[in-house]
Amino acid sequence: HTIAAQEADRSFVQEYSPSKLLPKGQFEVRHYNNLYTQNRVNVDGSPVDLEERQTFLTSFFEFTYGSDAGRRWNLGFDLWLNADRYDSVRSANPLRVLSREGAVFQRAELSYVGLRLRYVPIAHMPNLSFQTRLLLPIAPNPEQPRFLTHDRTSWWTQLFYDYTRGKYQLFFSGELLY
C-alpha cells in the first residue's frame, strides 16, 4: 500500500485521531466547554450544604496549524475563558452562568493565553505523539474577591497513542499538569 491507499482504507475517526498530526498547511479549530455547579461541599467526609449555588464555566478555544511537511510538528495557541456566578438561591439555574441578572456575584474573563506544540518523536510511529502547552494567566486577580480560576502559569503535557487493526482502533492518552 502507498500512504494515500492506506489513508483511504481508514475511517475519518482513524485518520484524524488526536494522536495524528495535521499535514502542512491544514488547520484545526476546537472549542471545549466545562460547566460545574455546586450547592453542597464535602468537609472531612461529610456533606455540608452551602447557603448559595456556585457555578463555574471553563471554555477554551484551540487553534492548531500543520507546520511540517513530514507531519512531525504542529504549532498552536489557546485562549481560555472562565466565568463564575454565585447565587443566593441554592436552586438557581446554573445555565445562567454568563448573566449578571440576579447574581450575588458574577465575573467572566479571558483568563489564559497559551502556546502549544504537538510533535511525533519517532518518525516511523506517526500514531504516537506528544502535545505540550504553556498557559499564561492574564485575568487580573482571578482568585479574589471570589474564585474564578487559579493565578498561576501552567505547563500541561499530554501523550497520545492509537493502535488500529482493520476497522477497530484503541486509543490511549496520559497527561501531566504542572
N, C-alpha and C. Protein backbone atom coordinates (compact mmCIF):
# COMPACT_ATOMS: atom_id res chain seq x y z
N HIS A 1 0.83 -1.20 0.00
CA HIS A 1 0.00 0.00 0.00
C HIS A 1 0.87 1.26 0.00
N THR A 2 0.45 2.22 -0.75
CA THR A 2 1.06 3.54 -0.64
C THR A 2 0.41 4.25 0.53
N ILE A 3 1.00 5.37 0.94
CA ILE A 3 0.42 6.13 2.07
C ILE A 3 -0.99 6.59 1.73
N ALA A 4 -1.22 7.05 0.49
CA ALA A 4 -2.56 7.50 0.10
C ALA A 4 -3.56 6.35 0.16
N ALA A 5 -3.15 5.15 -0.27
CA ALA A 5 -4.05 4.00 -0.22
C ALA A 5 -4.34 3.59 1.22
N GLN A 6 -3.33 3.66 2.09
CA GLN A 6 -3.54 3.34 3.50
C GLN A 6 -4.51 4.33 4.13
N GLU A 7 -4.36 5.62 3.81
CA GLU A 7 -5.27 6.64 4.35
C GLU A 7 -6.68 6.43 3.85
N ALA A 8 -6.83 5.98 2.60
CA ALA A 8 -8.16 5.74 2.04
C ALA A 8 -8.87 4.58 2.73
N ASP A 9 -8.10 3.61 3.27
CA ASP A 9 -8.68 2.46 3.97
C ASP A 9 -9.15 2.82 5.38
N ARG A 10 -8.74 3.95 5.90
CA ARG A 10 -9.08 4.34 7.26
C ARG A 10 -10.35 5.19 7.29
N SER A 11 -11.05 5.11 8.41
CA SER A 11 -12.22 5.97 8.60
C SER A 11 -11.75 7.37 8.96
N PHE A 12 -12.66 8.32 8.92
CA PHE A 12 -12.37 9.70 9.30
C PHE A 12 -11.83 9.75 10.73
N VAL A 13 -12.45 9.00 11.62
CA VAL A 13 -12.03 8.98 13.03
C VAL A 13 -10.62 8.42 13.16
N GLN A 14 -10.30 7.38 12.41
CA GLN A 14 -8.95 6.80 12.48
C GLN A 14 -7.90 7.76 11.92
N GLU A 15 -8.23 8.46 10.86
CA GLU A 15 -7.27 9.36 10.23
C GLU A 15 -7.05 10.62 11.06
N TYR A 16 -8.10 11.11 11.72
CA TYR A 16 -8.00 12.36 12.47
C TYR A 16 -8.11 12.12 13.98
N SER A 17 -7.53 11.04 14.44
CA SER A 17 -7.42 10.72 15.86
C SER A 17 -6.56 11.79 16.52
N PRO A 18 -6.76 12.05 17.82
CA PRO A 18 -5.91 13.05 18.49
C PRO A 18 -4.42 12.74 18.45
N SER A 19 -4.05 11.49 18.20
CA SER A 19 -2.63 11.15 18.14
C SER A 19 -1.99 11.57 16.83
N LYS A 20 -2.78 11.79 15.78
CA LYS A 20 -2.25 12.15 14.46
C LYS A 20 -2.05 13.65 14.35
N LEU A 21 -0.99 14.03 13.66
CA LEU A 21 -0.72 15.44 13.43
C LEU A 21 -1.31 15.86 12.09
N LEU A 22 -1.55 17.15 11.96
CA LEU A 22 -2.12 17.70 10.73
C LEU A 22 -1.05 17.82 9.65
N PRO A 23 -1.43 17.59 8.40
CA PRO A 23 -0.48 17.83 7.30
C PRO A 23 -0.16 19.33 7.19
N LYS A 24 0.97 19.62 6.58
CA LYS A 24 1.39 21.01 6.42
C LYS A 24 0.31 21.81 5.70
N GLY A 25 0.00 22.99 6.24
CA GLY A 25 -0.97 23.90 5.64
C GLY A 25 -2.40 23.69 6.12
N GLN A 26 -2.72 22.57 6.76
CA GLN A 26 -4.06 22.38 7.29
C GLN A 26 -4.13 22.95 8.70
N PHE A 27 -5.35 23.30 9.12
CA PHE A 27 -5.51 23.81 10.47
C PHE A 27 -6.76 23.22 11.09
N GLU A 28 -6.80 23.28 12.39
CA GLU A 28 -7.92 22.75 13.17
C GLU A 28 -8.29 23.80 14.21
N VAL A 29 -9.59 24.02 14.38
CA VAL A 29 -10.09 24.90 15.43
C VAL A 29 -11.01 24.07 16.30
N ARG A 30 -10.74 24.06 17.59
CA ARG A 30 -11.57 23.30 18.53
C ARG A 30 -12.06 24.21 19.64
N HIS A 31 -13.25 23.90 20.14
CA HIS A 31 -13.84 24.64 21.25
C HIS A 31 -14.37 23.64 22.26
N TYR A 32 -14.08 23.84 23.52
CA TYR A 32 -14.47 22.92 24.58
C TYR A 32 -15.07 23.71 25.72
N ASN A 33 -16.16 23.21 26.30
CA ASN A 33 -16.80 23.84 27.46
C ASN A 33 -16.92 22.85 28.59
N ASN A 34 -16.73 23.33 29.81
CA ASN A 34 -16.98 22.53 31.00
C ASN A 34 -17.76 23.40 31.99
N LEU A 35 -18.91 22.91 32.41
CA LEU A 35 -19.76 23.64 33.36
C LEU A 35 -19.83 22.82 34.65
N TYR A 36 -19.51 23.45 35.77
CA TYR A 36 -19.55 22.79 37.07
C TYR A 36 -20.38 23.65 38.01
N THR A 37 -21.25 23.02 38.79
CA THR A 37 -22.04 23.77 39.75
C THR A 37 -22.15 22.99 41.05
N GLN A 38 -22.30 23.72 42.16
CA GLN A 38 -22.43 23.06 43.45
C GLN A 38 -23.25 23.93 44.40
N ASN A 39 -23.98 23.26 45.30
CA ASN A 39 -24.63 23.94 46.41
C ASN A 39 -24.38 23.15 47.70
N ARG A 40 -23.45 22.20 47.61
CA ARG A 40 -23.04 21.37 48.74
C ARG A 40 -21.57 21.03 48.53
N VAL A 41 -20.80 20.99 49.61
CA VAL A 41 -19.39 20.61 49.55
C VAL A 41 -19.13 19.49 50.54
N ASN A 42 -18.01 18.83 50.39
CA ASN A 42 -17.61 17.76 51.29
C ASN A 42 -16.54 18.30 52.23
N VAL A 43 -16.81 18.27 53.53
CA VAL A 43 -15.85 18.73 54.53
C VAL A 43 -15.56 17.57 55.46
N ASP A 44 -14.32 17.12 55.44
CA ASP A 44 -13.89 16.00 56.29
C ASP A 44 -14.78 14.77 56.12
N GLY A 45 -15.21 14.48 54.89
CA GLY A 45 -16.00 13.29 54.61
C GLY A 45 -17.49 13.45 54.83
N SER A 46 -17.92 14.62 55.22
CA SER A 46 -19.35 14.85 55.45
C SER A 46 -19.87 15.94 54.52
N PRO A 47 -21.05 15.74 53.92
CA PRO A 47 -21.62 16.79 53.07
C PRO A 47 -22.09 17.98 53.91
N VAL A 48 -21.78 19.17 53.42
CA VAL A 48 -22.18 20.40 54.08
C VAL A 48 -22.92 21.25 53.05
N ASP A 49 -24.17 21.61 53.36
CA ASP A 49 -24.95 22.45 52.46
C ASP A 49 -24.41 23.88 52.48
N LEU A 50 -24.30 24.47 51.30
CA LEU A 50 -23.93 25.87 51.18
C LEU A 50 -25.20 26.71 51.19
N GLU A 51 -25.09 27.96 51.54
CA GLU A 51 -26.25 28.85 51.51
C GLU A 51 -26.42 29.48 50.14
N GLU A 52 -25.66 29.01 49.16
CA GLU A 52 -25.70 29.59 47.82
C GLU A 52 -25.42 28.51 46.78
N ARG A 53 -25.67 28.83 45.52
CA ARG A 53 -25.25 27.99 44.39
C ARG A 53 -24.02 28.65 43.78
N GLN A 54 -22.98 27.86 43.54
CA GLN A 54 -21.76 28.34 42.90
C GLN A 54 -21.64 27.62 41.57
N THR A 55 -21.44 28.39 40.50
CA THR A 55 -21.36 27.82 39.16
C THR A 55 -20.10 28.35 38.48
N PHE A 56 -19.38 27.42 37.83
CA PHE A 56 -18.11 27.76 37.17
C PHE A 56 -18.12 27.23 35.74
N LEU A 57 -17.72 28.07 34.80
CA LEU A 57 -17.62 27.70 33.40
C LEU A 57 -16.18 27.88 32.94
N THR A 58 -15.61 26.85 32.32
CA THR A 58 -14.32 26.96 31.66
C THR A 58 -14.56 26.68 30.18
N SER A 59 -14.14 27.58 29.35
CA SER A 59 -14.33 27.45 27.91
C SER A 59 -13.00 27.75 27.24
N PHE A 60 -12.51 26.79 26.43
CA PHE A 60 -11.26 27.10 25.75
C PHE A 60 -11.35 26.84 24.25
N PHE A 61 -10.59 27.67 23.55
CA PHE A 61 -10.51 27.64 22.10
C PHE A 61 -9.08 27.27 21.74
N GLU A 62 -8.93 26.30 20.85
CA GLU A 62 -7.61 25.88 20.40
C GLU A 62 -7.51 26.07 18.89
N PHE A 63 -6.40 26.62 18.46
CA PHE A 63 -6.10 26.72 17.04
C PHE A 63 -4.80 25.97 16.81
N THR A 64 -4.81 24.99 15.89
CA THR A 64 -3.62 24.20 15.57
C THR A 64 -3.34 24.30 14.09
N TYR A 65 -2.08 24.44 13.75
CA TYR A 65 -1.65 24.58 12.35
C TYR A 65 -0.62 23.51 12.02
N GLY A 66 -0.82 22.81 10.91
CA GLY A 66 0.15 21.83 10.41
C GLY A 66 1.33 22.56 9.82
N SER A 67 2.47 22.54 10.50
CA SER A 67 3.59 23.39 10.10
C SER A 67 4.76 22.63 9.49
N ASP A 68 4.63 21.30 9.34
CA ASP A 68 5.75 20.50 8.87
C ASP A 68 5.28 19.52 7.81
N ALA A 69 5.96 19.48 6.67
CA ALA A 69 5.57 18.58 5.57
C ALA A 69 5.65 17.11 5.98
N GLY A 70 6.50 16.77 6.91
CA GLY A 70 6.63 15.38 7.36
C GLY A 70 5.64 14.99 8.45
N ARG A 71 4.71 15.87 8.80
CA ARG A 71 3.70 15.65 9.85
C ARG A 71 4.35 15.27 11.18
N ARG A 72 5.44 15.97 11.51
CA ARG A 72 6.11 15.71 12.78
C ARG A 72 5.90 16.85 13.77
N TRP A 73 5.53 18.05 13.30
CA TRP A 73 5.36 19.22 14.16
C TRP A 73 4.08 19.95 13.81
N ASN A 74 3.31 20.31 14.79
CA ASN A 74 2.17 21.22 14.65
C ASN A 74 2.34 22.31 15.71
N LEU A 75 1.97 23.51 15.34
CA LEU A 75 2.02 24.63 16.27
C LEU A 75 0.60 25.10 16.56
N GLY A 76 0.40 25.67 17.74
CA GLY A 76 -0.93 26.14 18.08
C GLY A 76 -0.92 27.18 19.17
N PHE A 77 -2.09 27.77 19.38
CA PHE A 77 -2.27 28.67 20.51
C PHE A 77 -3.66 28.44 21.10
N ASP A 78 -3.81 28.79 22.36
CA ASP A 78 -5.04 28.59 23.11
C ASP A 78 -5.51 29.90 23.70
N LEU A 79 -6.82 30.05 23.81
CA LEU A 79 -7.46 31.13 24.56
C LEU A 79 -8.45 30.48 25.51
N TRP A 80 -8.37 30.82 26.79
CA TRP A 80 -9.26 30.26 27.80
C TRP A 80 -10.11 31.36 28.41
N LEU A 81 -11.39 31.09 28.53
CA LEU A 81 -12.33 31.99 29.18
C LEU A 81 -12.87 31.28 30.41
N ASN A 82 -12.89 31.97 31.54
CA ASN A 82 -13.50 31.43 32.75
C ASN A 82 -14.60 32.38 33.20
N ALA A 83 -15.68 31.80 33.71
CA ALA A 83 -16.78 32.58 34.25
C ALA A 83 -17.24 31.91 35.53
N ASP A 84 -17.69 32.73 36.46
CA ASP A 84 -18.31 32.17 37.66
C ASP A 84 -19.52 33.00 38.03
N ARG A 85 -20.39 32.36 38.79
CA ARG A 85 -21.62 33.01 39.24
C ARG A 85 -21.96 32.43 40.61
N TYR A 86 -22.28 33.32 41.53
CA TYR A 86 -22.70 32.93 42.86
C TYR A 86 -24.12 33.46 43.06
N ASP A 87 -25.04 32.57 43.40
CA ASP A 87 -26.45 32.92 43.60
C ASP A 87 -26.83 32.67 45.05
N SER A 88 -27.65 33.54 45.62
CA SER A 88 -28.12 33.35 46.99
C SER A 88 -29.18 32.25 47.08
N VAL A 89 -29.79 31.90 45.97
CA VAL A 89 -30.80 30.84 45.94
C VAL A 89 -30.11 29.54 45.54
N ARG A 90 -30.17 28.53 46.40
CA ARG A 90 -29.48 27.26 46.16
C ARG A 90 -30.00 26.55 44.92
N SER A 91 -31.26 26.78 44.54
CA SER A 91 -31.85 26.10 43.39
C SER A 91 -31.75 26.93 42.10
N ALA A 92 -30.92 27.97 42.10
CA ALA A 92 -30.77 28.84 40.93
C ALA A 92 -30.31 28.02 39.72
N ASN A 93 -30.64 28.50 38.54
CA ASN A 93 -30.31 27.83 37.28
C ASN A 93 -28.82 28.00 36.97
N PRO A 94 -28.05 26.91 36.93
CA PRO A 94 -26.62 27.02 36.64
C PRO A 94 -26.33 27.42 35.19
N LEU A 95 -27.29 27.31 34.29
CA LEU A 95 -27.06 27.69 32.89
C LEU A 95 -27.04 29.20 32.70
N ARG A 96 -27.30 29.95 33.75
CA ARG A 96 -27.25 31.42 33.67
C ARG A 96 -25.88 31.96 34.09
N VAL A 97 -24.85 31.13 34.01
CA VAL A 97 -23.52 31.49 34.49
C VAL A 97 -22.97 32.77 33.86
N LEU A 98 -23.37 33.10 32.65
CA LEU A 98 -22.86 34.30 31.99
C LEU A 98 -23.73 35.54 32.21
N SER A 99 -24.84 35.39 32.91
CA SER A 99 -25.75 36.50 33.18
C SER A 99 -25.46 37.13 34.54
N ARG A 100 -25.48 38.45 34.60
CA ARG A 100 -25.28 39.15 35.88
C ARG A 100 -26.61 39.34 36.61
N GLU A 101 -27.70 39.23 35.90
CA GLU A 101 -29.02 39.49 36.46
C GLU A 101 -29.33 38.55 37.64
N GLY A 102 -29.59 39.15 38.81
CA GLY A 102 -29.97 38.38 40.00
C GLY A 102 -28.83 37.70 40.72
N ALA A 103 -27.61 37.83 40.25
CA ALA A 103 -26.48 37.15 40.88
C ALA A 103 -25.95 37.96 42.06
N VAL A 104 -25.50 37.26 43.09
CA VAL A 104 -24.79 37.91 44.19
C VAL A 104 -23.43 38.39 43.67
N PHE A 105 -22.80 37.54 42.84
CA PHE A 105 -21.51 37.86 42.23
C PHE A 105 -21.42 37.13 40.91
N GLN A 106 -20.92 37.80 39.87
CA GLN A 106 -20.71 37.17 38.57
C GLN A 106 -19.50 37.82 37.92
N ARG A 107 -18.69 37.00 37.28
CA ARG A 107 -17.49 37.51 36.61
C ARG A 107 -17.15 36.59 35.44
N ALA A 108 -16.73 37.17 34.33
CA ALA A 108 -16.25 36.42 33.17
C ALA A 108 -15.01 37.14 32.64
N GLU A 109 -13.95 36.38 32.43
CA GLU A 109 -12.68 36.97 31.99
C GLU A 109 -11.98 36.05 31.00
N LEU A 110 -11.29 36.65 30.04
CA LEU A 110 -10.31 35.90 29.27
C LEU A 110 -9.17 35.64 30.26
N SER A 111 -8.98 34.38 30.63
CA SER A 111 -8.14 34.09 31.77
C SER A 111 -6.73 33.60 31.43
N TYR A 112 -6.58 32.88 30.32
CA TYR A 112 -5.27 32.36 29.93
C TYR A 112 -5.06 32.49 28.43
N VAL A 113 -3.82 32.68 28.05
CA VAL A 113 -3.38 32.51 26.67
C VAL A 113 -2.28 31.47 26.71
N GLY A 114 -2.18 30.70 25.65
CA GLY A 114 -1.18 29.65 25.68
C GLY A 114 -0.59 29.37 24.32
N LEU A 115 0.63 28.88 24.34
CA LEU A 115 1.31 28.40 23.15
C LEU A 115 1.36 26.88 23.25
N ARG A 116 1.20 26.21 22.12
CA ARG A 116 1.13 24.75 22.12
C ARG A 116 1.98 24.18 21.01
N LEU A 117 2.59 23.04 21.28
CA LEU A 117 3.41 22.31 20.31
C LEU A 117 2.97 20.86 20.35
N ARG A 118 2.67 20.29 19.19
CA ARG A 118 2.38 18.86 19.07
C ARG A 118 3.49 18.28 18.21
N TYR A 119 4.01 17.12 18.61
CA TYR A 119 5.10 16.54 17.83
C TYR A 119 5.08 15.02 17.91
N VAL A 120 5.65 14.41 16.87
CA VAL A 120 5.84 12.96 16.78
C VAL A 120 7.33 12.73 17.02
N PRO A 121 7.69 12.11 18.16
CA PRO A 121 9.12 11.95 18.47
C PRO A 121 9.82 10.88 17.64
N ILE A 122 9.08 9.88 17.13
CA ILE A 122 9.68 8.78 16.37
C ILE A 122 9.01 8.77 14.99
N ALA A 123 9.77 9.09 13.95
CA ALA A 123 9.21 9.29 12.61
C ALA A 123 8.40 8.09 12.11
N HIS A 124 8.84 6.86 12.38
CA HIS A 124 8.13 5.69 11.86
C HIS A 124 6.95 5.27 12.75
N MET A 125 6.63 6.09 13.77
CA MET A 125 5.46 5.85 14.63
C MET A 125 4.57 7.09 14.66
N PRO A 126 3.90 7.42 13.54
CA PRO A 126 3.10 8.65 13.49
C PRO A 126 1.86 8.60 14.38
N ASN A 127 1.55 7.44 14.96
CA ASN A 127 0.40 7.32 15.84
C ASN A 127 0.79 7.50 17.32
N LEU A 128 2.03 7.91 17.58
CA LEU A 128 2.50 8.25 18.92
C LEU A 128 2.91 9.72 18.90
N SER A 129 2.24 10.54 19.69
CA SER A 129 2.57 11.97 19.68
C SER A 129 2.46 12.55 21.08
N PHE A 130 3.11 13.67 21.24
CA PHE A 130 3.06 14.45 22.47
C PHE A 130 2.52 15.82 22.14
N GLN A 131 1.81 16.40 23.10
CA GLN A 131 1.37 17.78 22.98
C GLN A 131 1.75 18.47 24.28
N THR A 132 2.39 19.60 24.17
CA THR A 132 2.75 20.35 25.36
C THR A 132 2.32 21.80 25.16
N ARG A 133 1.80 22.38 26.23
CA ARG A 133 1.33 23.77 26.16
C ARG A 133 1.75 24.50 27.42
N LEU A 134 1.98 25.78 27.26
CA LEU A 134 2.28 26.66 28.36
C LEU A 134 1.16 27.68 28.44
N LEU A 135 0.44 27.68 29.56
CA LEU A 135 -0.69 28.59 29.75
C LEU A 135 -0.27 29.73 30.68
N LEU A 136 -0.44 30.95 30.21
CA LEU A 136 -0.06 32.13 30.97
C LEU A 136 -1.32 32.85 31.45
N PRO A 137 -1.44 33.12 32.76
CA PRO A 137 -2.64 33.80 33.27
C PRO A 137 -2.64 35.26 32.85
N ILE A 138 -3.79 35.75 32.42
CA ILE A 138 -3.89 37.16 32.03
C ILE A 138 -5.03 37.89 32.73
N ALA A 139 -5.91 37.18 33.43
CA ALA A 139 -7.01 37.81 34.15
C ALA A 139 -6.47 38.49 35.41
N PRO A 140 -6.92 39.70 35.70
CA PRO A 140 -6.47 40.37 36.92
C PRO A 140 -7.11 39.73 38.16
N ASN A 141 -6.30 39.40 39.15
CA ASN A 141 -6.77 38.85 40.43
C ASN A 141 -7.83 37.76 40.28
N PRO A 142 -7.52 36.64 39.61
CA PRO A 142 -8.54 35.63 39.35
C PRO A 142 -8.99 34.83 40.58
N GLU A 143 -8.28 34.98 41.71
CA GLU A 143 -8.68 34.26 42.92
C GLU A 143 -9.40 35.16 43.93
N GLN A 144 -9.53 36.45 43.60
CA GLN A 144 -10.16 37.41 44.50
C GLN A 144 -11.11 38.31 43.73
N PRO A 145 -12.18 38.83 44.24
CA PRO A 145 -12.70 38.61 45.59
C PRO A 145 -13.38 37.25 45.74
N ARG A 146 -13.80 36.64 44.64
CA ARG A 146 -14.31 35.28 44.64
C ARG A 146 -13.49 34.49 43.62
N PHE A 147 -13.39 33.19 43.82
CA PHE A 147 -12.56 32.36 42.96
C PHE A 147 -13.11 32.29 41.53
N LEU A 148 -12.28 32.62 40.55
CA LEU A 148 -12.60 32.48 39.13
C LEU A 148 -11.77 31.34 38.54
N THR A 149 -10.47 31.40 38.74
CA THR A 149 -9.53 30.36 38.31
C THR A 149 -8.23 30.56 39.08
N HIS A 150 -7.30 29.65 38.92
CA HIS A 150 -6.02 29.75 39.62
C HIS A 150 -5.15 30.83 38.99
N ASP A 151 -4.40 31.52 39.82
CA ASP A 151 -3.50 32.58 39.38
C ASP A 151 -2.09 32.00 39.29
N ARG A 152 -1.86 31.20 38.23
CA ARG A 152 -0.54 30.60 38.08
C ARG A 152 -0.31 30.20 36.63
N THR A 153 0.95 30.16 36.27
CA THR A 153 1.36 29.65 34.96
C THR A 153 1.29 28.12 35.03
N SER A 154 0.75 27.50 33.98
CA SER A 154 0.62 26.04 33.97
C SER A 154 1.31 25.47 32.75
N TRP A 155 1.93 24.33 32.95
CA TRP A 155 2.56 23.59 31.86
C TRP A 155 1.85 22.25 31.80
N TRP A 156 1.25 21.94 30.66
CA TRP A 156 0.40 20.77 30.50
C TRP A 156 0.93 19.95 29.33
N THR A 157 1.36 18.71 29.60
CA THR A 157 1.88 17.83 28.55
C THR A 157 1.01 16.58 28.47
N GLN A 158 0.67 16.20 27.25
CA GLN A 158 -0.17 15.03 27.01
C GLN A 158 0.52 14.07 26.05
N LEU A 159 0.31 12.78 26.27
CA LEU A 159 0.79 11.72 25.40
C LEU A 159 -0.42 11.09 24.73
N PHE A 160 -0.35 10.89 23.41
CA PHE A 160 -1.43 10.25 22.66
C PHE A 160 -0.87 9.07 21.88
N TYR A 161 -1.60 7.96 21.89
CA TYR A 161 -1.20 6.80 21.10
C TYR A 161 -2.45 6.07 20.66
N ASP A 162 -2.48 5.67 19.39
CA ASP A 162 -3.58 4.83 18.94
C ASP A 162 -3.04 3.62 18.21
N TYR A 163 -3.78 2.54 18.34
CA TYR A 163 -3.44 1.29 17.68
C TYR A 163 -4.64 0.90 16.84
N THR A 164 -4.43 0.77 15.53
CA THR A 164 -5.51 0.43 14.60
C THR A 164 -5.29 -0.96 14.04
N ARG A 165 -6.33 -1.74 14.06
CA ARG A 165 -6.33 -3.08 13.46
C ARG A 165 -7.63 -3.21 12.68
N GLY A 166 -7.51 -3.09 11.33
CA GLY A 166 -8.72 -3.14 10.49
C GLY A 166 -9.61 -1.96 10.77
N LYS A 167 -10.88 -2.23 11.05
CA LYS A 167 -11.81 -1.14 11.32
C LYS A 167 -11.88 -0.78 12.80
N TYR A 168 -11.05 -1.42 13.65
CA TYR A 168 -11.06 -1.16 15.08
C TYR A 168 -9.84 -0.33 15.47
N GLN A 169 -10.04 0.48 16.51
CA GLN A 169 -8.96 1.33 16.96
C GLN A 169 -9.00 1.42 18.49
N LEU A 170 -7.84 1.28 19.11
CA LEU A 170 -7.68 1.53 20.54
C LEU A 170 -6.93 2.84 20.68
N PHE A 171 -7.37 3.68 21.60
CA PHE A 171 -6.75 4.98 21.81
C PHE A 171 -6.33 5.10 23.27
N PHE A 172 -5.11 5.56 23.50
CA PHE A 172 -4.59 5.75 24.84
C PHE A 172 -4.10 7.18 24.98
N SER A 173 -4.26 7.74 26.18
CA SER A 173 -3.70 9.06 26.44
C SER A 173 -3.29 9.14 27.90
N GLY A 174 -2.36 10.00 28.17
CA GLY A 174 -1.91 10.27 29.53
C GLY A 174 -1.48 11.73 29.59
N GLU A 175 -1.48 12.30 30.77
CA GLU A 175 -1.12 13.70 30.85
C GLU A 175 -0.45 14.04 32.16
N LEU A 176 0.29 15.13 32.12
CA LEU A 176 0.98 15.67 33.28
C LEU A 176 0.72 17.18 33.28
N LEU A 177 0.19 17.66 34.38
CA LEU A 177 -0.08 19.09 34.53
C LEU A 177 0.78 19.61 35.67
N TYR A 178 1.61 20.59 35.37
CA TYR A 178 2.49 21.14 36.39
C TYR A 178 2.18 22.61 36.56
